[in-house]
Amino acid sequence: IWAVAAAMAAAVMALVLVGLSLGDAAAAAIAAE
């Protein structure tokens, strides 16, 4: 359950960070995230 929570938190983190970097259109930053 702790590992699933970590994966879910990482998915939320990725969605937020991808949303923040869409304005910059930085494909490399999105891939790294």
PDB file of all heavy atoms in Angstrom:
ATOM      1  N   ILE A   1       0.834  -1.202   0.000  1.00  0.00           N
ATOM      2  CA  ILE A   1       0.000   0.000   0.000  1.00  0.00           C
ATOM      3  C   ILE A   1       0.868   1.251   0.000  1.00  0.00           C
ATOM      4  O   ILE A   1       0.576   2.226  -0.702  1.00  0.00           O
ATOM      5  CB  ILE A   1      -0.974  -0.029   1.201  1.00  0.00           C
ATOM      6  CG1 ILE A   1      -2.018  -1.122   0.973  1.00  0.00           C
ATOM      7  CG2 ILE A   1      -1.631   1.322   1.425  1.00  0.00           C
ATOM      8  CD1 ILE A   1      -2.885  -1.416   2.170  1.00  0.00           C
ATOM      9  N   TRP A   2       1.952   1.250   0.762  1.00  0.00           N
ATOM     10  CA  TRP A   2       2.865   2.398   0.771  1.00  0.00           C
ATOM     11  C   TRP A   2       3.490   2.608  -0.601  1.00  0.00           C
ATOM     12  O   TRP A   2       3.638   3.754  -1.054  1.00  0.00           O
ATOM     13  CB  TRP A   2       3.957   2.217   1.820  1.00  0.00           C
ATOM     14  CG  TRP A   2       3.499   2.440   3.222  1.00  0.00           C
ATOM     15  CD1 TRP A   2       3.326   1.492   4.185  1.00  0.00           C
ATOM     16  CD2 TRP A   2       3.154   3.676   3.836  1.00  0.00           C
ATOM     17  NE1 TRP A   2       2.881   2.072   5.341  1.00  0.00           N
ATOM     18  CE2 TRP A   2       2.777   3.413   5.165  1.00  0.00           C
ATOM     19  CE3 TRP A   2       3.121   4.993   3.388  1.00  0.00           C
ATOM     20  CZ2 TRP A   2       2.377   4.404   6.044  1.00  0.00           C
ATOM     21  CZ3 TRP A   2       2.728   5.984   4.269  1.00  0.00           C
ATOM     22  CH2 TRP A   2       2.354   5.690   5.579  1.00  0.00           C
ATOM     23  N   ALA A   3       3.873   1.518  -1.278  1.00  0.00           N
ATOM     24  CA  ALA A   3       4.482   1.646  -2.606  1.00  0.00           C
ATOM     25  C   ALA A   3       3.466   2.137  -3.637  1.00  0.00           C
ATOM     26  O   ALA A   3       3.801   2.931  -4.519  1.00  0.00           O
ATOM     27  CB  ALA A   3       5.083   0.315  -3.033  1.00  0.00           C
ATOM     28  N   VAL A   4       2.231   1.665  -3.544  1.00  0.00           N
ATOM     29  CA  VAL A   4       1.187   2.147  -4.451  1.00  0.00           C
ATOM     30  C   VAL A   4       0.935   3.634  -4.202  1.00  0.00           C
ATOM     31  O   VAL A   4       0.758   4.411  -5.155  1.00  0.00           O
ATOM     32  CB  VAL A   4      -0.107   1.316  -4.285  1.00  0.00           C
ATOM     33  CG1 VAL A   4      -1.276   1.971  -4.988  1.00  0.00           C
ATOM     34  CG2 VAL A   4       0.109  -0.096  -4.814  1.00  0.00           C
ATOM     35  N   ALA A   5       0.948   4.041  -2.943  1.00  0.00           N
ATOM     36  CA  ALA A   5       0.773   5.470  -2.625  1.00  0.00           C
ATOM     37  C   ALA A   5       1.918   6.294  -3.211  1.00  0.00           C
ATOM     38  O   ALA A   5       1.703   7.401  -3.717  1.00  0.00           O
ATOM     39  CB  ALA A   5       0.693   5.666  -1.115  1.00  0.00           C
ATOM     40  N   ALA A   6       3.146   5.760  -3.163  1.00  0.00           N
ATOM     41  CA  ALA A   6       4.292   6.467  -3.745  1.00  0.00           C
ATOM     42  C   ALA A   6       4.132   6.592  -5.259  1.00  0.00           C
ATOM     43  O   ALA A   6       4.413   7.652  -5.836  1.00  0.00           O
ATOM     44  CB  ALA A   6       5.588   5.732  -3.409  1.00  0.00           C
ATOM     45  N   ALA A   7       3.691   5.521  -5.911  1.00  0.00           N
ATOM     46  CA  ALA A   7       3.500   5.578  -7.361  1.00  0.00           C
ATOM     47  C   ALA A   7       2.386   6.556  -7.728  1.00  0.00           C
ATOM     48  O   ALA A   7       2.504   7.294  -8.722  1.00  0.00           O
ATOM     49  CB  ALA A   7       3.186   4.183  -7.898  1.00  0.00           C
ATOM     50  N   MET A   8       1.315   6.578  -6.934  1.00  0.00           N
ATOM     51  CA  MET A   8       0.229   7.516  -7.209  1.00  0.00           C
ATOM     52  C   MET A   8       0.677   8.965  -6.978  1.00  0.00           C
ATOM     53  O   MET A   8       0.335   9.859  -7.754  1.00  0.00           O
ATOM     54  CB  MET A   8      -0.982   7.180  -6.349  1.00  0.00           C
ATOM     55  CG  MET A   8      -1.647   5.888  -6.772  1.00  0.00           C
ATOM     56  SD  MET A   8      -2.974   5.369  -5.677  1.00  0.00           S
ATOM     57  CE  MET A   8      -4.118   6.720  -5.822  1.00  0.00           C
ATOM     58  N   ALA A   9       1.455   9.189  -5.929  1.00  0.00           N
ATOM     59  CA  ALA A   9       1.971  10.538  -5.681  1.00  0.00           C
ATOM     60  C   ALA A   9       2.918  10.972  -6.800  1.00  0.00           C
ATOM     61  O   ALA A   9       2.920  12.136  -7.208  1.00  0.00           O
ATOM     62  CB  ALA A   9       2.686  10.584  -4.332  1.00  0.00           C
ATOM     63  N   ALA A  10       3.703  10.030  -7.320  1.00  0.00           N
ATOM     64  CA  ALA A  10       4.596  10.351  -8.425  1.00  0.00           C
ATOM     65  C   ALA A  10       3.808  10.660  -9.693  1.00  0.00           C
ATOM     66  O   ALA A  10       4.195  11.532 -10.478  1.00  0.00           O
ATOM     67  CB  ALA A  10       5.563   9.199  -8.673  1.00  0.00           C
ATOM     68  N   ALA A  11       2.696   9.957  -9.902  1.00  0.00           N
ATOM     69  CA  ALA A  11       1.863  10.235 -11.076  1.00  0.00           C
ATOM     70  C   ALA A  11       1.232  11.627 -10.972  1.00  0.00           C
ATOM     71  O   ALA A  11       1.199  12.375 -11.962  1.00  0.00           O
ATOM     72  CB  ALA A  11       0.784   9.167 -11.209  1.00  0.00           C
ATOM     73  N   VAL A  12       0.759  11.975  -9.791  1.00  0.00           N
ATOM     74  CA  VAL A  12       0.202  13.317  -9.592  1.00  0.00           C
ATOM     75  C   VAL A  12       1.289  14.368  -9.785  1.00  0.00           C
ATOM     76  O   VAL A  12       1.074  15.397 -10.443  1.00  0.00           O
ATOM     77  CB  VAL A  12      -0.437  13.438  -8.180  1.00  0.00           C
ATOM     78  CG1 VAL A  12      -0.770  14.878  -7.839  1.00  0.00           C
ATOM     79  CG2 VAL A  12      -1.669  12.560  -8.098  1.00  0.00           C
ATOM     80  N   MET A  13       2.498  14.081  -9.248  1.00  0.00           N
ATOM     81  CA  MET A  13       3.615  14.996  -9.417  1.00  0.00           C
ATOM     82  C   MET A  13       3.921  15.193 -10.901  1.00  0.00           C
ATOM     83  O   MET A  13       4.137  16.312 -11.360  1.00  0.00           O
ATOM     84  CB  MET A  13       4.844  14.448  -8.689  1.00  0.00           C
ATOM     85  CG  MET A  13       6.116  15.221  -8.923  1.00  0.00           C
ATOM     86  SD  MET A  13       7.568  14.361  -8.289  1.00  0.00           S
ATOM     87  CE  MET A  13       7.706  13.021  -9.459  1.00  0.00           C
ATOM     88  N   ALA A  14       3.929  14.097 -11.671  1.00  0.00           N
ATOM     89  CA  ALA A  14       4.237  14.195 -13.100  1.00  0.00           C
ATOM     90  C   ALA A  14       3.169  15.001 -13.835  1.00  0.00           C
ATOM     91  O   ALA A  14       3.495  15.822 -14.697  1.00  0.00           O
ATOM     92  CB  ALA A  14       4.349  12.804 -13.701  1.00  0.00           C
ATOM     93  N   LEU A  15       1.897  14.779 -13.489  1.00  0.00           N
ATOM     94  CA  LEU A  15       0.832  15.533 -14.150  1.00  0.00           C
ATOM     95  C   LEU A  15       0.942  17.026 -13.868  1.00  0.00           C
ATOM     96  O   LEU A  15       0.762  17.859 -14.760  1.00  0.00           O
ATOM     97  CB  LEU A  15      -0.532  15.012 -13.707  1.00  0.00           C
ATOM     98  CG  LEU A  15      -0.924  13.642 -14.251  1.00  0.00           C
ATOM     99  CD1 LEU A  15      -2.233  13.189 -13.618  1.00  0.00           C
ATOM    100  CD2 LEU A  15      -1.037  13.678 -15.753  1.00  0.00           C
ATOM    101  N   VAL A  16       1.251  17.365 -12.629  1.00  0.00           N
ATOM    102  CA  VAL A  16       1.393  18.777 -12.279  1.00  0.00           C
ATOM    103  C   VAL A  16       2.595  19.379 -12.983  1.00  0.00           C
ATOM    104  O   VAL A  16       2.514  20.473 -13.567  1.00  0.00           O
ATOM    105  CB  VAL A  16       1.504  18.945 -10.744  1.00  0.00           C
ATOM    106  CG1 VAL A  16       1.928  20.351 -10.380  1.00  0.00           C
ATOM    107  CG2 VAL A  16       0.189  18.595 -10.092  1.00  0.00           C
ATOM    108  N   LEU A  17       3.719  18.671 -12.981  1.00  0.00           N
ATOM    109  CA  LEU A  17       4.920  19.216 -13.612  1.00  0.00           C
ATOM    110  C   LEU A  17       4.785  19.299 -15.130  1.00  0.00           C
ATOM    111  O   LEU A  17       5.274  20.240 -15.748  1.00  0.00           O
ATOM    112  CB  LEU A  17       6.141  18.378 -13.229  1.00  0.00           C
ATOM    113  CG  LEU A  17       6.539  18.457 -11.755  1.00  0.00           C
ATOM    114  CD1 LEU A  17       7.703  17.534 -11.460  1.00  0.00           C
ATOM    115  CD2 LEU A  17       6.876  19.876 -11.366  1.00  0.00           C
ATOM    116  N   VAL A  18       4.114  18.326 -15.739  1.00  0.00           N
ATOM    117  CA  VAL A  18       3.876  18.400 -17.179  1.00  0.00           C
ATOM    118  C   VAL A  18       2.955  19.570 -17.492  1.00  0.00           C
ATOM    119  O   VAL A  18       3.163  20.301 -18.458  1.00  0.00           O
ATOM    120  CB  VAL A  18       3.293  17.061 -17.706  1.00  0.00           C
ATOM    121  CG1 VAL A  18       2.715  17.223 -19.093  1.00  0.00           C
ATOM    122  CG2 VAL A  18       4.366  15.995 -17.717  1.00  0.00           C
ATOM    123  N   GLY A  19       1.958  19.761 -16.661  1.00  0.00           N
ATOM    124  CA  GLY A  19       1.067  20.907 -16.853  1.00  0.00           C
ATOM    125  C   GLY A  19       1.792  22.233 -16.729  1.00  0.00           C
ATOM    126  O   GLY A  19       1.504  23.182 -17.452  1.00  0.00           O
ATOM    127  N   LEU A  20       2.756  22.293 -15.831  1.00  0.00           N
ATOM    128  CA  LEU A  20       3.523  23.530 -15.670  1.00  0.00           C
ATOM    129  C   LEU A  20       4.483  23.756 -16.819  1.00  0.00           C
ATOM    130  O   LEU A  20       4.799  24.894 -17.153  1.00  0.00           O
ATOM    131  CB  LEU A  20       4.296  23.498 -14.349  1.00  0.00           C
ATOM    132  CG  LEU A  20       3.458  23.587 -13.082  1.00  0.00           C
ATOM    133  CD1 LEU A  20       4.344  23.434 -11.853  1.00  0.00           C
ATOM    134  CD2 LEU A  20       2.699  24.896 -13.033  1.00  0.00           C
ATOM    135  N   SER A  21       4.995  22.679 -17.440  1.00  0.00           N
ATOM    136  CA  SER A  21       5.973  22.872 -18.504  1.00  0.00           C
ATOM    137  C   SER A  21       5.360  22.885 -19.894  1.00  0.00           C
ATOM    138  O   SER A  21       6.075  23.043 -20.850  1.00  0.00           O
ATOM    139  CB  SER A  21       7.090  21.848 -18.442  1.00  0.00           C
ATOM    140  OG  SER A  21       6.707  20.629 -17.962  1.00  0.00           O
ATOM    141  N   LEU A  22       4.046  22.727 -20.008  1.00  0.00           N
ATOM    142  CA  LEU A  22       3.431  22.801 -21.333  1.00  0.00           C
ATOM    143  C   LEU A  22       3.553  24.193 -21.931  1.00  0.00           C
ATOM    144  O   LEU A  22       3.670  24.342 -23.135  1.00  0.00           O
ATOM    145  CB  LEU A  22       1.970  22.371 -21.272  1.00  0.00           C
ATOM    146  CG  LEU A  22       1.727  20.876 -21.218  1.00  0.00           C
ATOM    147  CD1 LEU A  22       0.238  20.592 -21.148  1.00  0.00           C
ATOM    148  CD2 LEU A  22       2.342  20.168 -22.397  1.00  0.00           C
ATOM    149  N   GLY A  23       3.533  25.200 -21.089  1.00  0.00           N
ATOM    150  CA  GLY A  23       3.673  26.560 -21.593  1.00  0.00           C
ATOM    151  C   GLY A  23       5.040  26.794 -22.213  1.00  0.00           C
ATOM    152  O   GLY A  23       5.187  27.572 -23.139  1.00  0.00           O
ATOM    153  N   ASP A  24       6.039  26.115 -21.700  1.00  0.00           N
ATOM    154  CA  ASP A  24       7.392  26.283 -22.233  1.00  0.00           C
ATOM    155  C   ASP A  24       7.633  25.418 -23.468  1.00  0.00           C
ATOM    156  O   ASP A  24       8.613  25.615 -24.164  1.00  0.00           O
ATOM    157  CB  ASP A  24       8.427  25.915 -21.169  1.00  0.00           C
ATOM    158  CG  ASP A  24       8.289  26.758 -19.924  1.00  0.00           C
ATOM    159  OD1 ASP A  24       7.835  27.905 -20.034  1.00  0.00           O
ATOM    160  OD2 ASP A  24       8.641  26.255 -18.847  1.00  0.00           O
ATOM    161  N   ALA A  25       6.760  24.442 -23.706  1.00  0.00           N
ATOM    162  CA  ALA A  25       6.905  23.488 -24.818  1.00  0.00           C
ATOM    163  C   ALA A  25       8.260  22.804 -24.774  1.00  0.00           C
ATOM    164  O   ALA A  25       8.918  22.614 -25.785  1.00  0.00           O
ATOM    165  CB  ALA A  25       6.674  24.184 -26.153  1.00  0.00           C
ATOM    166  N   ALA A  26       8.687  22.423 -23.588  1.00  0.00           N
ATOM    167  CA  ALA A  26       9.984  21.764 -23.427  1.00  0.00           C
ATOM    168  C   ALA A  26       9.771  20.259 -23.433  1.00  0.00           C
ATOM    169  O   ALA A  26       9.421  19.666 -22.412  1.00  0.00           O
ATOM    170  CB  ALA A  26      10.642  22.221 -22.135  1.00  0.00           C
ATOM    171  N   ALA A  27       9.967  19.633 -24.572  1.00  0.00           N
ATOM    172  CA  ALA A  27       9.746  18.189 -24.695  1.00  0.00           C
ATOM    173  C   ALA A  27      10.736  17.401 -23.839  1.00  0.00           C
ATOM    174  O   ALA A  27      10.378  16.365 -23.263  1.00  0.00           O
ATOM    175  CB  ALA A  27       9.867  17.770 -26.156  1.00  0.00           C
ATOM    176  N   ALA A  28      11.942  17.884 -23.722  1.00  0.00           N
ATOM    177  CA  ALA A  28      12.948  17.181 -22.918  1.00  0.00           C
ATOM    178  C   ALA A  28      12.570  17.213 -21.443  1.00  0.00           C
ATOM    179  O   ALA A  28      12.744  16.220 -20.729  1.00  0.00           O
ATOM    180  CB  ALA A  28      14.322  17.805 -23.126  1.00  0.00           C
ATOM    181  N   ALA A  29      12.030  18.321 -20.977  1.00  0.00           N
ATOM    182  CA  ALA A  29      11.620  18.419 -19.573  1.00  0.00           C
ATOM    183  C   ALA A  29      10.445  17.491 -19.298  1.00  0.00           C
ATOM    184  O   ALA A  29      10.400  16.826 -18.258  1.00  0.00           O
ATOM    185  CB  ALA A  29      11.244  19.861 -19.236  1.00  0.00           C
ATOM    186  N   ILE A  30       9.521  17.405 -20.221  1.00  0.00           N
ATOM    187  CA  ILE A  30       8.373  16.515 -20.045  1.00  0.00           C
ATOM    188  C   ILE A  30       8.828  15.062 -20.021  1.00  0.00           C
ATOM    189  O   ILE A  30       8.390  14.274 -19.186  1.00  0.00           O
ATOM    190  CB  ILE A  30       7.328  16.757 -21.148  1.00  0.00           C
ATOM    191  CG1 ILE A  30       6.704  18.134 -20.960  1.00  0.00           C
ATOM    192  CG2 ILE A  30       6.260  15.672 -21.140  1.00  0.00           C
ATOM    193  CD1 ILE A  30       5.797  18.559 -22.082  1.00  0.00           C
ATOM    194  N   ALA A  31       9.743  14.700 -20.914  1.00  0.00           N
ATOM    195  CA  ALA A  31      10.256  13.322 -20.944  1.00  0.00           C
ATOM    196  C   ALA A  31      10.996  12.988 -19.653  1.00  0.00           C
ATOM    197  O   ALA A  31      10.837  11.892 -19.106  1.00  0.00           O
ATOM    198  CB  ALA A  31      11.176  13.129 -22.149  1.00  0.00           C
ATOM    199  N   ALA A  32      11.782  13.921 -19.144  1.00  0.00           N
ATOM    200  CA  ALA A  32      12.504  13.679 -17.894  1.00  0.00           C
ATOM    201  C   ALA A  32      11.537  13.501 -16.725  1.00  0.00           C
ATOM    202  O   ALA A  32      11.758  12.645 -15.865  1.00  0.00           O
ATOM    203  CB  ALA A  32      13.462  14.836 -17.620  1.00  0.00           C
ATOM    204  N   GLU A  33      10.480  14.283 -16.700  1.00  0.00           N
ATOM    205  CA  GLU A  33       9.494  14.162 -15.619  1.00  0.00           C
ATOM    206  C   GLU A  33       8.769  12.823 -15.673  1.00  0.00           C
ATOM    207  O   GLU A  33       8.511  12.197 -14.644  1.00  0.00           O
ATOM    208  CB  GLU A  33       8.491  15.310 -15.706  1.00  0.00           C
ATOM    209  CG  GLU A  33       9.101  16.654 -15.394  1.00  0.00           C
ATOM    210  CD  GLU A  33       8.324  17.810 -15.971  1.00  0.00           C
ATOM    211  OE1 GLU A  33       7.259  17.570 -16.579  1.00  0.00           O
ATOM    212  OE2 GLU A  33       8.781  18.945 -15.837  1.00  0.00           O
TER     213      GLU A  33
END
